[in-house]
Amino acid sequence: MQQNTAETLYFHEYFSDWIKIYKQGAVRQATFQKYQLTLKRLVELAPNLRICELDRRKYQTLLNDYAETHERQTTMDFHHQLKGAVLDAVDEGLLKSDPTRKVIIKGKEPAPKKTKFLSQFQLQALLQNLAYGDEPNWDWFILLVAKTGMGICGFYPCCGYGCSHPLFLECLKLGNSGQIILVANGFDGFTNHPILQHFYGLPQPTAQGG
């Protein structure tokens, strides 16, 4: 029975059943979606590969084909997801040996990393081109970020060093979605700045007689 199954069952069919049985509902949705993406690529690369034909050479060829358009780490992830199903196929008697043994992981050169910060020169050029009006606006807000070292966090309502100090930290939600939360880390002197008081709702400083 198992021999007949191995002779007629495609590898991508086995993998599709495998992720439904062992992964669906057992892993996070994001992880399961990665398994589904692996299945999609498997169908594209080896639509006619049967379980009974899966040996070390064919499995290595499959990984090599995948690696032509993916970086090495992505190819490693692809291999790890396939390997779980392959080892179960060995345990079930569909494969006589493990075709993933001594596999070689390849991949294309990593893409250049994008710069995610401004240089000091770029920051100064940006600040010189802002339009500071009499009322708080986004240009004032950019200045506030630059001068106070404000952090940006999209997951937690507050974070960072010194967050326990009431004068050092206030949180501000932007937009109706509430998905962006900005955290200011500074020092006491900045809490008296009128722009900071406007954005953060801090009390206005009382006038002191001379």
Protein backbone atom coordinates (compact mmCIF):
# COMPACT_ATOMS: atom_id res chain seq x y z
CA MET A 1 0.00 0.00 0.00
CA GLN A 2 2.78 2.39 0.98
CA GLN A 3 4.76 1.40 -2.10
CA ASN A 4 1.78 2.20 -4.34
CA THR A 5 1.34 5.55 -2.56
CA ALA A 6 4.99 6.45 -3.05
CA GLU A 7 4.78 5.62 -6.75
CA THR A 8 1.74 7.82 -7.40
CA LEU A 9 2.04 10.61 -4.81
CA TYR A 10 3.73 13.84 -5.81
CA PHE A 11 6.11 15.42 -3.33
CA HIS A 12 4.13 18.68 -3.24
CA GLU A 13 0.92 16.70 -2.55
CA TYR A 14 2.55 14.98 0.40
CA PHE A 15 3.90 18.31 1.70
CA SER A 16 0.47 19.94 1.33
CA ASP A 17 -1.18 17.18 3.40
CA TRP A 18 1.68 17.29 5.90
CA ILE A 19 1.34 20.99 6.70
CA LYS A 20 -2.43 20.66 7.08
CA ILE A 21 -2.08 17.73 9.49
CA TYR A 22 0.92 18.84 11.55
CA LYS A 23 1.20 22.61 11.21
CA GLN A 24 -2.25 24.11 10.74
CA GLY A 25 -3.51 25.25 14.12
CA ALA A 26 -0.23 24.25 15.80
CA VAL A 27 1.89 27.22 14.70
CA ARG A 28 1.24 30.92 14.45
CA GLN A 29 -0.67 32.11 11.41
CA ALA A 30 2.38 33.97 10.10
CA THR A 31 4.45 30.79 10.33
CA PHE A 32 1.75 28.74 8.63
CA GLN A 33 1.67 31.27 5.80
CA LYS A 34 5.39 30.68 5.33
CA TYR A 35 4.71 26.95 4.98
CA GLN A 36 2.06 27.76 2.38
CA LEU A 37 4.55 29.93 0.51
CA THR A 38 7.05 27.06 0.61
CA LEU A 39 4.37 24.80 -0.85
CA LYS A 40 3.72 27.28 -3.64
CA ARG A 41 7.41 27.41 -4.55
CA LEU A 42 7.63 23.62 -4.38
CA VAL A 43 4.81 23.30 -6.90
CA GLU A 44 6.54 25.80 -9.17
CA LEU A 45 9.97 24.16 -8.99
CA ALA A 46 9.04 20.46 -8.90
CA PRO A 47 5.45 19.94 -10.09
CA ASN A 48 6.10 16.39 -11.32
CA LEU A 49 8.48 15.12 -8.64
CA ARG A 50 7.09 12.00 -6.98
CA ILE A 51 7.95 10.77 -3.51
CA CYS A 52 9.49 7.60 -4.90
CA GLU A 53 11.87 9.68 -7.05
CA LEU A 54 13.12 11.87 -4.22
CA ASP A 55 16.80 11.09 -3.62
CA ARG A 56 19.77 13.21 -2.54
CA ARG A 57 20.56 14.37 -6.06
CA LYS A 58 17.00 15.49 -6.86
CA TYR A 59 16.58 17.15 -3.48
CA GLN A 60 19.86 19.03 -3.89
CA THR A 61 18.78 20.10 -7.39
CA LEU A 62 15.52 21.40 -5.93
CA LEU A 63 17.41 23.51 -3.39
CA ASN A 64 19.85 24.75 -6.03
CA ASP A 65 16.97 25.90 -8.23
CA TYR A 66 15.43 27.73 -5.30
CA ALA A 67 18.78 29.29 -4.36
CA GLU A 68 19.16 30.90 -7.78
CA THR A 69 16.63 33.56 -6.82
CA HIS A 70 16.99 33.64 -3.03
CA GLU A 71 19.66 34.47 -0.48
CA ARG A 72 21.35 31.70 1.48
CA GLN A 73 19.37 32.25 4.70
CA THR A 74 16.08 32.13 2.81
CA THR A 75 17.19 28.91 1.12
CA MET A 76 18.05 27.50 4.55
CA ASP A 77 14.54 28.31 5.79
CA PHE A 78 13.04 26.66 2.69
CA HIS A 79 15.12 23.55 3.35
CA HIS A 80 14.19 23.36 7.03
CA GLN A 81 10.48 23.45 6.26
CA LEU A 82 10.76 20.75 3.62
CA LYS A 83 13.03 18.60 5.77
CA GLY A 84 10.38 18.11 8.46
CA ALA A 85 8.03 16.55 5.93
CA VAL A 86 10.78 14.50 4.30
CA LEU A 87 11.85 12.94 7.62
CA ASP A 88 8.25 11.97 8.32
CA ALA A 89 8.06 10.38 4.87
CA VAL A 90 11.12 8.31 5.81
CA ASP A 91 9.46 7.25 9.09
CA GLU A 92 6.32 6.26 7.20
CA GLY A 93 8.29 4.06 4.84
CA LEU A 94 7.63 6.20 1.77
CA LEU A 95 11.38 6.84 1.45
CA LYS A 96 14.12 4.29 2.12
CA SER A 97 16.70 6.90 3.19
CA ASP A 98 16.93 10.56 4.12
CA PRO A 99 17.58 12.60 0.93
CA THR A 100 18.30 15.74 2.99
CA ARG A 101 21.48 14.25 4.53
CA LYS A 102 24.66 16.28 3.88
CA VAL A 103 22.72 18.84 1.86
CA ILE A 104 24.58 21.91 0.61
CA ILE A 105 22.87 25.27 1.14
CA LYS A 106 23.56 27.85 -1.55
CA GLY A 107 22.12 31.26 -2.33
CA LYS A 108 22.66 34.46 -4.23
CA GLU A 109 24.65 37.36 -2.78
CA PRO A 110 22.73 39.40 -0.19
CA ALA A 111 21.27 42.64 -1.49
CA PRO A 112 22.95 45.84 -0.28
CA LYS A 113 21.46 46.99 2.98
CA LYS A 114 19.55 50.26 2.84
CA THR A 115 20.73 53.09 5.05
CA LYS A 116 18.16 53.58 7.80
CA PHE A 117 19.51 56.77 9.33
CA LEU A 118 20.58 60.28 8.35
CA SER A 119 24.16 61.42 8.52
CA GLN A 120 24.94 64.53 10.56
CA PHE A 121 25.24 66.54 7.34
CA GLN A 122 21.89 65.26 6.05
CA LEU A 123 20.22 66.03 9.39
CA GLN A 124 21.54 69.60 9.41
CA ALA A 125 20.39 70.08 5.81
CA LEU A 126 16.93 68.79 6.75
CA LEU A 127 16.62 71.10 9.75
CA GLN A 128 17.67 74.12 7.68
CA ASN A 129 14.87 73.46 5.20
CA LEU A 130 12.04 73.14 7.72
CA ALA A 131 9.40 75.84 7.97
CA TYR A 132 8.92 76.80 11.60
CA GLY A 133 5.66 78.69 12.06
CA ASP A 134 4.11 80.33 15.09
CA GLU A 135 1.91 77.28 15.66
CA PRO A 136 3.11 73.69 16.20
CA ASN A 137 3.29 71.71 12.97
CA TRP A 138 5.10 68.66 11.62
CA ASP A 139 8.25 70.68 10.95
CA TRP A 140 8.40 71.59 14.63
CA PHE A 141 7.77 67.95 15.43
CA ILE A 142 10.73 66.84 13.28
CA LEU A 143 12.88 69.34 15.13
CA LEU A 144 11.62 67.92 18.40
CA VAL A 145 12.59 64.41 17.31
CA ALA A 146 16.05 65.55 16.23
CA LYS A 147 16.81 67.54 19.37
CA THR A 148 15.42 65.22 22.04
CA GLY A 149 16.44 61.85 20.61
CA MET A 150 12.81 60.73 20.47
CA GLY A 151 12.37 57.04 19.73
CA ILE A 152 9.71 55.52 17.49
CA CYS A 153 8.00 52.33 18.53
CA GLY A 154 5.10 50.64 16.76
CA PHE A 155 4.49 47.84 19.24
CA TYR A 156 4.74 49.05 22.81
CA PRO A 157 3.19 52.11 24.49
CA CYS A 158 6.52 53.04 26.03
CA CYS A 159 10.04 51.76 26.06
CA GLY A 160 13.60 52.93 26.40
CA TYR A 161 16.02 54.03 29.04
CA GLY A 162 14.68 56.19 31.82
CA CYS A 163 11.03 55.45 31.07
CA SER A 164 10.17 55.39 34.78
CA HIS A 165 10.90 59.10 35.20
CA PRO A 166 7.60 61.03 34.84
CA LEU A 167 9.33 64.12 33.42
CA PHE A 168 11.43 62.16 30.98
CA LEU A 169 8.69 60.27 29.18
CA GLU A 170 5.31 60.95 27.65
CA CYS A 171 3.60 58.94 24.97
CA LEU A 172 1.71 60.37 22.02
CA LYS A 173 -0.50 58.48 19.58
CA LEU A 174 -0.63 59.82 16.04
CA GLY A 175 -3.59 59.44 13.73
CA ASN A 176 -6.89 57.70 14.23
CA SER A 177 -5.38 54.24 13.76
CA GLY A 178 -3.24 54.51 16.87
CA GLN A 179 -0.61 52.32 15.22
CA ILE A 180 2.26 54.77 15.71
CA ILE A 181 3.42 55.61 19.20
CA LEU A 182 6.22 58.10 19.75
CA VAL A 183 8.34 58.10 22.86
CA ALA A 184 10.39 61.10 23.94
CA ASN A 185 13.48 60.60 26.06
CA GLY A 186 15.06 63.87 27.13
CA PHE A 187 15.82 65.92 30.15
CA ASP A 188 13.86 68.25 32.40
CA GLY A 189 14.75 71.39 30.46
CA PHE A 190 12.84 70.23 27.39
CA THR A 191 9.60 69.82 29.36
CA ASN A 192 9.37 73.63 29.52
CA HIS A 193 9.54 74.03 25.74
CA PRO A 194 6.15 75.32 24.45
CA ILE A 195 6.20 72.93 21.49
CA LEU A 196 6.78 69.95 23.76
CA GLN A 197 4.04 71.17 26.08
CA HIS A 198 1.62 71.46 23.15
CA PHE A 199 2.32 68.00 21.76
CA TYR A 200 2.44 66.25 25.12
CA GLY A 201 -0.18 68.23 27.03
CA LEU A 202 2.25 69.25 29.76
CA PRO A 203 1.29 72.12 32.07
CA GLN A 204 2.43 75.58 31.00
CA PRO A 205 5.26 76.98 33.17
CA THR A 206 4.16 79.64 35.65
CA ALA A 207 5.68 83.09 35.29
CA GLN A 208 8.12 83.97 37.99
CA GLY A 209 8.59 87.52 39.19
CA GLY A 210 12.00 89.14 38.78
